[in-house]
Amino acid sequence: MPDSDPGPKEVDTPLFESYEMLKKYWLDVQISSGTEWTVLVSKWKFPYRVRDDHHRRHLNLALDVGIGRRTPLGFGFLNKRTNTDD
């Protein structure tokens, strides 16, 4: 992005108008031979209207980093949770 574009702290309104979780459920996913993860899957809705060119560039950046894109396993974002003894 050009240096003249406002960053997140310089914009008064959020990127999306709202967000809504549509559904969630657990899946057992075969990662590789002998490796299976239980994954919490969720589907979200992020309504928006493009406000200006700066907003459009921020939305495109969100798409570039993976929002709306699927991994080879069929998921968007995927974070592995590691159990720790606290």
PDB file of N, CA and C in Angstrom:
ATOM      1  N   MET A   1       0.835  -1.188   0.000  1.00  0.00           N
ATOM      2  CA  MET A   1       0.000   0.000   0.000  1.00  0.00           C
ATOM      3  C   MET A   1       0.873   1.243   0.000  1.00  0.00           C
ATOM      4  N   PRO A   2       0.419   2.275  -0.639  1.00  0.00           N
ATOM      5  CA  PRO A   2       1.185   3.522  -0.630  1.00  0.00           C
ATOM      6  C   PRO A   2       1.312   4.090   0.777  1.00  0.00           C
ATOM      7  N   ASP A   3       2.407   4.814   1.032  1.00  0.00           N
ATOM      8  CA  ASP A   3       2.631   5.412   2.350  1.00  0.00           C
ATOM      9  C   ASP A   3       1.544   6.402   2.733  1.00  0.00           C
ATOM     10  N   SER A   4       0.855   6.976   1.765  1.00  0.00           N
ATOM     11  CA  SER A   4      -0.172   7.976   2.053  1.00  0.00           C
ATOM     12  C   SER A   4      -1.493   7.365   2.507  1.00  0.00           C
ATOM     13  N   ASP A   5      -1.642   6.039   2.416  1.00  0.00           N
ATOM     14  CA  ASP A   5      -2.889   5.400   2.850  1.00  0.00           C
ATOM     15  C   ASP A   5      -3.004   5.427   4.362  1.00  0.00           C
ATOM     16  N   PRO A   6      -4.209   5.673   4.877  1.00  0.00           N
ATOM     17  CA  PRO A   6      -4.381   5.653   6.327  1.00  0.00           C
ATOM     18  C   PRO A   6      -4.267   4.229   6.858  1.00  0.00           C
ATOM     19  N   GLY A   7      -3.696   4.084   8.035  1.00  0.00           N
ATOM     20  CA  GLY A   7      -3.607   2.788   8.685  1.00  0.00           C
ATOM     21  C   GLY A   7      -4.830   2.551   9.551  1.00  0.00           C
ATOM     22  N   PRO A   8      -4.933   1.385  10.194  1.00  0.00           N
ATOM     23  CA  PRO A   8      -6.107   1.054  11.007  1.00  0.00           C
ATOM     24  C   PRO A   8      -6.381   2.057  12.125  1.00  0.00           C
ATOM     25  N   LYS A   9      -5.341   2.617  12.730  1.00  0.00           N
ATOM     26  CA  LYS A   9      -5.550   3.549  13.839  1.00  0.00           C
ATOM     27  C   LYS A   9      -5.985   4.928  13.356  1.00  0.00           C
ATOM     28  N   GLU A  10      -5.830   5.202  12.065  1.00  0.00           N
ATOM     29  CA  GLU A  10      -6.181   6.506  11.511  1.00  0.00           C
ATOM     30  C   GLU A  10      -7.583   6.528  10.911  1.00  0.00           C
ATOM     31  N   VAL A  11      -8.290   5.399  10.942  1.00  0.00           N
ATOM     32  CA  VAL A  11      -9.623   5.297  10.356  1.00  0.00           C
ATOM     33  C   VAL A  11     -10.631   5.139  11.487  1.00  0.00           C
ATOM     34  N   ASP A  12     -11.706   5.937  11.443  1.00  0.00           N
ATOM     35  CA  ASP A  12     -12.693   5.932  12.527  1.00  0.00           C
ATOM     36  C   ASP A  12     -13.696   4.787  12.445  1.00  0.00           C
ATOM     37  N   THR A  13     -13.890   4.221  11.279  1.00  0.00           N
ATOM     38  CA  THR A  13     -14.906   3.182  11.120  1.00  0.00           C
ATOM     39  C   THR A  13     -14.248   1.823  10.914  1.00  0.00           C
ATOM     40  N   PRO A  14     -14.914   0.741  11.338  1.00  0.00           N
ATOM     41  CA  PRO A  14     -14.339  -0.596  11.165  1.00  0.00           C
ATOM     42  C   PRO A  14     -14.316  -1.012   9.694  1.00  0.00           C
ATOM     43  N   LEU A  15     -13.517  -2.017   9.404  1.00  0.00           N
ATOM     44  CA  LEU A  15     -13.384  -2.524   8.040  1.00  0.00           C
ATOM     45  C   LEU A  15     -14.717  -3.079   7.533  1.00  0.00           C
ATOM     46  N   PHE A  16     -15.403  -3.850   8.389  1.00  0.00           N
ATOM     47  CA  PHE A  16     -16.689  -4.442   8.028  1.00  0.00           C
ATOM     48  C   PHE A  16     -17.797  -3.767   8.825  1.00  0.00           C
ATOM     49  N   GLU A  17     -19.014  -3.739   8.262  1.00  0.00           N
ATOM     50  CA  GLU A  17     -20.149  -3.110   8.934  1.00  0.00           C
ATOM     51  C   GLU A  17     -20.570  -3.892  10.169  1.00  0.00           C
ATOM     52  N   SER A  18     -20.419  -5.199  10.108  1.00  0.00           N
ATOM     53  CA  SER A  18     -20.765  -6.071  11.232  1.00  0.00           C
ATOM     54  C   SER A  18     -20.142  -7.436  10.957  1.00  0.00           C
ATOM     55  N   TYR A  19     -20.382  -8.369  11.848  1.00  0.00           N
ATOM     56  CA  TYR A  19     -19.974  -9.749  11.603  1.00  0.00           C
ATOM     57  C   TYR A  19     -20.964 -10.660  12.307  1.00  0.00           C
ATOM     58  N   GLU A  20     -21.159 -11.826  11.735  1.00  0.00           N
ATOM     59  CA  GLU A  20     -22.133 -12.771  12.270  1.00  0.00           C
ATOM     60  C   GLU A  20     -21.623 -14.191  12.045  1.00  0.00           C
ATOM     61  N   MET A  21     -21.614 -14.993  13.121  1.00  0.00           N
ATOM     62  CA  MET A  21     -21.269 -16.402  12.967  1.00  0.00           C
ATOM     63  C   MET A  21     -22.523 -17.134  12.492  1.00  0.00           C
ATOM     64  N   LEU A  22     -22.427 -17.790  11.357  1.00  0.00           N
ATOM     65  CA  LEU A  22     -23.568 -18.487  10.785  1.00  0.00           C
ATOM     66  C   LEU A  22     -23.724 -19.885  11.361  1.00  0.00           C
ATOM     67  N   LYS A  23     -22.604 -20.574  11.583  1.00  0.00           N
ATOM     68  CA  LYS A  23     -22.665 -21.909  12.189  1.00  0.00           C
ATOM     69  C   LYS A  23     -21.283 -22.325  12.648  1.00  0.00           C
ATOM     70  N   LYS A  24     -21.259 -23.325  13.547  1.00  0.00           N
ATOM     71  CA  LYS A  24     -19.988 -23.907  13.978  1.00  0.00           C
ATOM     72  C   LYS A  24     -20.210 -25.368  14.349  1.00  0.00           C
ATOM     73  N   TYR A  25     -19.176 -26.167  14.154  1.00  0.00           N
ATOM     74  CA  TYR A  25     -19.225 -27.584  14.483  1.00  0.00           C
ATOM     75  C   TYR A  25     -17.809 -28.135  14.501  1.00  0.00           C
ATOM     76  N   TRP A  26     -17.642 -29.328  15.064  1.00  0.00           N
ATOM     77  CA  TRP A  26     -16.336 -29.990  15.164  1.00  0.00           C
ATOM     78  C   TRP A  26     -16.190 -31.004  14.039  1.00  0.00           C
ATOM     79  N   LEU A  27     -14.988 -31.071  13.466  1.00  0.00           N
ATOM     80  CA  LEU A  27     -14.673 -32.056  12.437  1.00  0.00           C
ATOM     81  C   LEU A  27     -13.369 -32.763  12.785  1.00  0.00           C
ATOM     82  N   ASP A  28     -13.307 -34.055  12.510  1.00  0.00           N
ATOM     83  CA  ASP A  28     -12.046 -34.787  12.585  1.00  0.00           C
ATOM     84  C   ASP A  28     -11.434 -34.755  11.192  1.00  0.00           C
ATOM     85  N   VAL A  29     -10.225 -34.210  11.087  1.00  0.00           N
ATOM     86  CA  VAL A  29      -9.582 -33.999   9.793  1.00  0.00           C
ATOM     87  C   VAL A  29      -8.290 -34.802   9.737  1.00  0.00           C
ATOM     88  N   GLN A  30      -8.146 -35.606   8.692  1.00  0.00           N
ATOM     89  CA  GLN A  30      -6.931 -36.380   8.470  1.00  0.00           C
ATOM     90  C   GLN A  30      -5.892 -35.458   7.850  1.00  0.00           C
ATOM     91  N   ILE A  31      -4.872 -35.088   8.617  1.00  0.00           N
ATOM     92  CA  ILE A  31      -3.835 -34.179   8.147  1.00  0.00           C
ATOM     93  C   ILE A  31      -2.817 -34.922   7.284  1.00  0.00           C
ATOM     94  N   SER A  32      -2.388 -36.072   7.758  1.00  0.00           N
ATOM     95  CA  SER A  32      -1.461 -36.920   7.016  1.00  0.00           C
ATOM     96  C   SER A  32      -1.644 -38.335   7.535  1.00  0.00           C
ATOM     97  N   SER A  33      -0.902 -39.251   6.994  1.00  0.00           N
ATOM     98  CA  SER A  33      -0.997 -40.633   7.441  1.00  0.00           C
ATOM     99  C   SER A  33      -0.636 -40.710   8.921  1.00  0.00           C
ATOM    100  N   GLY A  34      -1.584 -41.119   9.736  1.00  0.00           N
ATOM    101  CA  GLY A  34      -1.346 -41.248  11.166  1.00  0.00           C
ATOM    102  C   GLY A  34      -1.528 -39.967  11.966  1.00  0.00           C
ATOM    103  N   THR A  35      -1.893 -38.868  11.327  1.00  0.00           N
ATOM    104  CA  THR A  35      -2.097 -37.604  12.040  1.00  0.00           C
ATOM    105  C   THR A  35      -3.506 -37.096  11.781  1.00  0.00           C
ATOM    106  N   GLU A  36      -4.278 -36.978  12.854  1.00  0.00           N
ATOM    107  CA  GLU A  36      -5.643 -36.475  12.746  1.00  0.00           C
ATOM    108  C   GLU A  36      -5.840 -35.361  13.759  1.00  0.00           C
ATOM    109  N   TRP A  37      -6.468 -34.279  13.341  1.00  0.00           N
ATOM    110  CA  TRP A  37      -6.804 -33.173  14.236  1.00  0.00           C
ATOM    111  C   TRP A  37      -8.315 -33.081  14.354  1.00  0.00           C
ATOM    112  N   THR A  38      -8.780 -32.737  15.538  1.00  0.00           N
ATOM    113  CA  THR A  38     -10.171 -32.354  15.715  1.00  0.00           C
ATOM    114  C   THR A  38     -10.210 -30.835  15.615  1.00  0.00           C
ATOM    115  N   VAL A  39     -11.006 -30.332  14.678  1.00  0.00           N
ATOM    116  CA  VAL A  39     -10.995 -28.910  14.345  1.00  0.00           C
ATOM    117  C   VAL A  39     -12.375 -28.307  14.569  1.00  0.00           C
ATOM    118  N   LEU A  40     -12.414 -27.161  15.236  1.00  0.00           N
ATOM    119  CA  LEU A  40     -13.649 -26.395  15.356  1.00  0.00           C
ATOM    120  C   LEU A  40     -13.784 -25.553  14.094  1.00  0.00           C
ATOM    121  N   VAL A  41     -14.851 -25.783  13.356  1.00  0.00           N
ATOM    122  CA  VAL A  41     -15.085 -25.101  12.091  1.00  0.00           C
ATOM    123  C   VAL A  41     -16.182 -24.066  12.302  1.00  0.00           C
ATOM    124  N   SER A  42     -16.005 -22.887  11.751  1.00  0.00           N
ATOM    125  CA  SER A  42     -17.052 -21.867  11.829  1.00  0.00           C
ATOM    126  C   SER A  42     -17.163 -21.149  10.492  1.00  0.00           C
ATOM    127  N   LYS A  43     -18.382 -20.735  10.192  1.00  0.00           N
ATOM    128  CA  LYS A  43     -18.643 -19.989   8.966  1.00  0.00           C
ATOM    129  C   LYS A  43     -19.185 -18.629   9.376  1.00  0.00           C
ATOM    130  N   TRP A  44     -18.618 -17.562   8.803  1.00  0.00           N
ATOM    131  CA  TRP A  44     -18.936 -16.194   9.200  1.00  0.00           C
ATOM    132  C   TRP A  44     -19.456 -15.382   8.024  1.00  0.00           C
ATOM    133  N   LYS A  45     -20.206 -14.347   8.345  1.00  0.00           N
ATOM    134  CA  LYS A  45     -20.676 -13.375   7.360  1.00  0.00           C
ATOM    135  C   LYS A  45     -20.118 -12.009   7.750  1.00  0.00           C
ATOM    136  N   PHE A  46     -19.487 -11.317   6.798  1.00  0.00           N
ATOM    137  CA  PHE A  46     -18.894  -9.994   7.014  1.00  0.00           C
ATOM    138  C   PHE A  46     -19.466  -9.009   5.993  1.00  0.00           C
ATOM    139  N   PRO A  47     -20.634  -8.419   6.261  1.00  0.00           N
ATOM    140  CA  PRO A  47     -21.185  -7.470   5.285  1.00  0.00           C
ATOM    141  C   PRO A  47     -20.376  -6.172   5.229  1.00  0.00           C
ATOM    142  N   TYR A  48     -20.292  -5.599   4.041  1.00  0.00           N
ATOM    143  CA  TYR A  48     -19.567  -4.338   3.871  1.00  0.00           C
ATOM    144  C   TYR A  48     -20.052  -3.646   2.601  1.00  0.00           C
ATOM    145  N   ARG A  49     -19.830  -2.362   2.549  1.00  0.00           N
ATOM    146  CA  ARG A  49     -19.977  -1.553   1.345  1.00  0.00           C
ATOM    147  C   ARG A  49     -18.673  -0.787   1.194  1.00  0.00           C
ATOM    148  N   VAL A  50     -18.124  -0.754   0.011  1.00  0.00           N
ATOM    149  CA  VAL A  50     -16.864  -0.041  -0.212  1.00  0.00           C
ATOM    150  C   VAL A  50     -17.135   1.453  -0.073  1.00  0.00           C
ATOM    151  N   ARG A  51     -16.417   2.090   0.869  1.00  0.00           N
ATOM    152  CA  ARG A  51     -16.643   3.510   1.166  1.00  0.00           C
ATOM    153  C   ARG A  51     -15.797   4.439   0.300  1.00  0.00           C
ATOM    154  N   ASP A  52     -14.561   4.041   0.031  1.00  0.00           N
ATOM    155  CA  ASP A  52     -13.663   4.877  -0.774  1.00  0.00           C
ATOM    156  C   ASP A  52     -12.484   4.019  -1.221  1.00  0.00           C
ATOM    157  N   ASP A  53     -11.558   4.626  -1.931  1.00  0.00           N
ATOM    158  CA  ASP A  53     -10.412   3.865  -2.448  1.00  0.00           C
ATOM    159  C   ASP A  53      -9.532   3.301  -1.339  1.00  0.00           C
ATOM    160  N   HIS A  54      -9.372   4.037  -0.235  1.00  0.00           N
ATOM    161  CA  HIS A  54      -8.580   3.529   0.891  1.00  0.00           C
ATOM    162  C   HIS A  54      -9.238   2.287   1.476  1.00  0.00           C
ATOM    163  N   HIS A  55     -10.555   2.327   1.645  1.00  0.00           N
ATOM    164  CA  HIS A  55     -11.292   1.179   2.180  1.00  0.00           C
ATOM    165  C   HIS A  55     -11.164  -0.013   1.231  1.00  0.00           C
ATOM    166  N   ARG A  56     -11.260   0.241  -0.060  1.00  0.00           N
ATOM    167  CA  ARG A  56     -11.124  -0.841  -1.046  1.00  0.00           C
ATOM    168  C   ARG A  56      -9.745  -1.502  -0.937  1.00  0.00           C
ATOM    169  N   ARG A  57      -8.692  -0.699  -0.778  1.00  0.00           N
ATOM    170  CA  ARG A  57      -7.346  -1.268  -0.649  1.00  0.00           C
ATOM    171  C   ARG A  57      -7.212  -2.101   0.627  1.00  0.00           C
ATOM    172  N   HIS A  58      -7.827  -1.657   1.732  1.00  0.00           N
ATOM    173  CA  HIS A  58      -7.781  -2.441   2.971  1.00  0.00           C
ATOM    174  C   HIS A  58      -8.560  -3.750   2.815  1.00  0.00           C
ATOM    175  N   LEU A  59      -9.709  -3.706   2.145  1.00  0.00           N
ATOM    176  CA  LEU A  59     -10.466  -4.937   1.890  1.00  0.00           C
ATOM    177  C   LEU A  59      -9.657  -5.893   1.014  1.00  0.00           C
ATOM    178  N   ASN A  60      -9.008  -5.373  -0.004  1.00  0.00           N
ATOM    179  CA  ASN A  60      -8.177  -6.224  -0.867  1.00  0.00           C
ATOM    180  C   ASN A  60      -7.005  -6.823  -0.100  1.00  0.00           C
ATOM    181  N   LEU A  61      -6.431  -6.067   0.825  1.00  0.00           N
ATOM    182  CA  LEU A  61      -5.359  -6.602   1.664  1.00  0.00           C
ATOM    183  C   LEU A  61      -5.882  -7.762   2.512  1.00  0.00           C
ATOM    184  N   ALA A  62      -7.082  -7.612   3.083  1.00  0.00           N
ATOM    185  CA  ALA A  62      -7.681  -8.697   3.869  1.00  0.00           C
ATOM    186  C   ALA A  62      -7.848  -9.949   3.012  1.00  0.00           C
ATOM    187  N   LEU A  63      -8.279  -9.788   1.779  1.00  0.00           N
ATOM    188  CA  LEU A  63      -8.395 -10.935   0.877  1.00  0.00           C
ATOM    189  C   LEU A  63      -7.028 -11.531   0.561  1.00  0.00           C
ATOM    190  N   ASP A  64      -6.031 -10.683   0.371  1.00  0.00           N
ATOM    191  CA  ASP A  64      -4.678 -11.163   0.061  1.00  0.00           C
ATOM    192  C   ASP A  64      -4.077 -11.996   1.184  1.00  0.00           C
ATOM    193  N   VAL A  65      -4.420 -11.693   2.443  1.00  0.00           N
ATOM    194  CA  VAL A  65      -3.848 -12.443   3.564  1.00  0.00           C
ATOM    195  C   VAL A  65      -4.677 -13.668   3.927  1.00  0.00           C
ATOM    196  N   GLY A  66      -5.803 -13.908   3.234  1.00  0.00           N
ATOM    197  CA  GLY A  66      -6.480 -15.175   3.414  1.00  0.00           C
ATOM    198  C   GLY A  66      -7.935 -15.152   3.802  1.00  0.00           C
ATOM    199  N   ILE A  67      -8.532 -14.010   4.073  1.00  0.00           N
ATOM    200  CA  ILE A  67      -9.967 -14.007   4.379  1.00  0.00           C
ATOM    201  C   ILE A  67     -10.709 -14.416   3.118  1.00  0.00           C
ATOM    202  N   GLY A  68     -11.546 -15.430   3.232  1.00  0.00           N
ATOM    203  CA  GLY A  68     -12.309 -15.899   2.091  1.00  0.00           C
ATOM    204  C   GLY A  68     -11.611 -16.936   1.233  1.00  0.00           C
ATOM    205  N   ARG A  69     -10.365 -17.226   1.531  1.00  0.00           N
ATOM    206  CA  ARG A  69      -9.605 -18.204   0.755  1.00  0.00           C
ATOM    207  C   ARG A  69      -9.569 -19.523   1.523  1.00  0.00           C
ATOM    208  N   ARG A  70      -9.505 -20.614   0.813  1.00  0.00           N
ATOM    209  CA  ARG A  70      -9.465 -21.920   1.467  1.00  0.00           C
ATOM    210  C   ARG A  70      -8.088 -22.555   1.336  1.00  0.00           C
ATOM    211  N   THR A  71      -7.708 -23.261   2.396  1.00  0.00           N
ATOM    212  CA  THR A  71      -6.463 -24.018   2.385  1.00  0.00           C
ATOM    213  C   THR A  71      -6.687 -25.316   1.612  1.00  0.00           C
ATOM    214  N   PRO A  72      -5.642 -26.105   1.366  1.00  0.00           N
ATOM    215  CA  PRO A  72      -5.838 -27.396   0.697  1.00  0.00           C
ATOM    216  C   PRO A  72      -6.780 -28.330   1.463  1.00  0.00           C
ATOM    217  N   LEU A  73      -6.945 -28.105   2.775  1.00  0.00           N
ATOM    218  CA  LEU A  73      -7.870 -28.931   3.553  1.00  0.00           C
ATOM    219  C   LEU A  73      -9.309 -28.423   3.447  1.00  0.00           C
ATOM    220  N   GLY A  74      -9.517 -27.287   2.798  1.00  0.00           N
ATOM    221  CA  GLY A  74     -10.860 -26.756   2.639  1.00  0.00           C
ATOM    222  C   GLY A  74     -11.231 -25.692   3.651  1.00  0.00           C
ATOM    223  N   PHE A  75     -10.272 -25.251   4.473  1.00  0.00           N
ATOM    224  CA  PHE A  75     -10.544 -24.249   5.495  1.00  0.00           C
ATOM    225  C   PHE A  75      -9.977 -22.902   5.083  1.00  0.00           C
ATOM    226  N   GLY A  76     -10.453 -21.849   5.742  1.00  0.00           N
ATOM    227  CA  GLY A  76      -9.852 -20.529   5.592  1.00  0.00           C
ATOM    228  C   GLY A  76      -8.712 -20.443   6.581  1.00  0.00           C
ATOM    229  N   PHE A  77      -8.864 -19.603   7.591  1.00  0.00           N
ATOM    230  CA  PHE A  77      -7.848 -19.518   8.637  1.00  0.00           C
ATOM    231  C   PHE A  77      -7.867 -20.795   9.449  1.00  0.00           C
ATOM    232  N   LEU A  78      -6.708 -21.284   9.843  1.00  0.00           N
ATOM    233  CA  LEU A  78      -6.610 -22.490  10.656  1.00  0.00           C
ATOM    234  C   LEU A  78      -5.506 -22.286  11.672  1.00  0.00           C
ATOM    235  N   ASN A  79      -5.871 -22.267  12.943  1.00  0.00           N
ATOM    236  CA  ASN A  79      -4.903 -22.100  14.026  1.00  0.00           C
ATOM    237  C   ASN A  79      -4.911 -23.350  14.883  1.00  0.00           C
ATOM    238  N   LYS A  80      -3.754 -23.930  15.082  1.00  0.00           N
ATOM    239  CA  LYS A  80      -3.634 -25.118  15.915  1.00  0.00           C
ATOM    240  C   LYS A  80      -3.513 -24.691  17.367  1.00  0.00           C
ATOM    241  N   ARG A  81      -4.334 -25.274  18.217  1.00  0.00           N
ATOM    242  CA  ARG A  81      -4.280 -24.991  19.646  1.00  0.00           C
ATOM    243  C   ARG A  81      -3.434 -26.060  20.311  1.00  0.00           C
ATOM    244  N   THR A  82      -2.464 -25.621  21.089  1.00  0.00           N
ATOM    245  CA  THR A  82      -1.586 -26.534  21.801  1.00  0.00           C
ATOM    246  C   THR A  82      -1.977 -26.538  23.264  1.00  0.00           C
ATOM    247  N   ASN A  83      -2.219 -27.711  23.806  1.00  0.00           N
ATOM    248  CA  ASN A  83      -2.542 -27.811  25.230  1.00  0.00           C
ATOM    249  C   ASN A  83      -1.283 -27.607  26.050  1.00  0.00           C
ATOM    250  N   THR A  84      -1.383 -26.793  27.083  1.00  0.00           N
ATOM    251  CA  THR A  84      -0.257 -26.569  27.987  1.00  0.00           C
ATOM    252  C   THR A  84      -0.711 -26.826  29.407  1.00  0.00           C
ATOM    253  N   ASP A  85       0.195 -27.285  30.230  1.00  0.00           N
ATOM    254  CA  ASP A  85      -0.102 -27.506  31.643  1.00  0.00           C
ATOM    255  C   ASP A  85       0.215 -26.229  32.399  1.00  0.00           C
ATOM    256  N   ASP A  86      -0.820 -25.508  32.805  1.00  0.00           N
ATOM    257  CA  ASP A  86      -0.619 -24.257  33.549  1.00  0.00           C
ATOM    258  C   ASP A  86      -0.906 -24.459  35.019  1.00  0.00           C
TER     259      ASP A  86
END
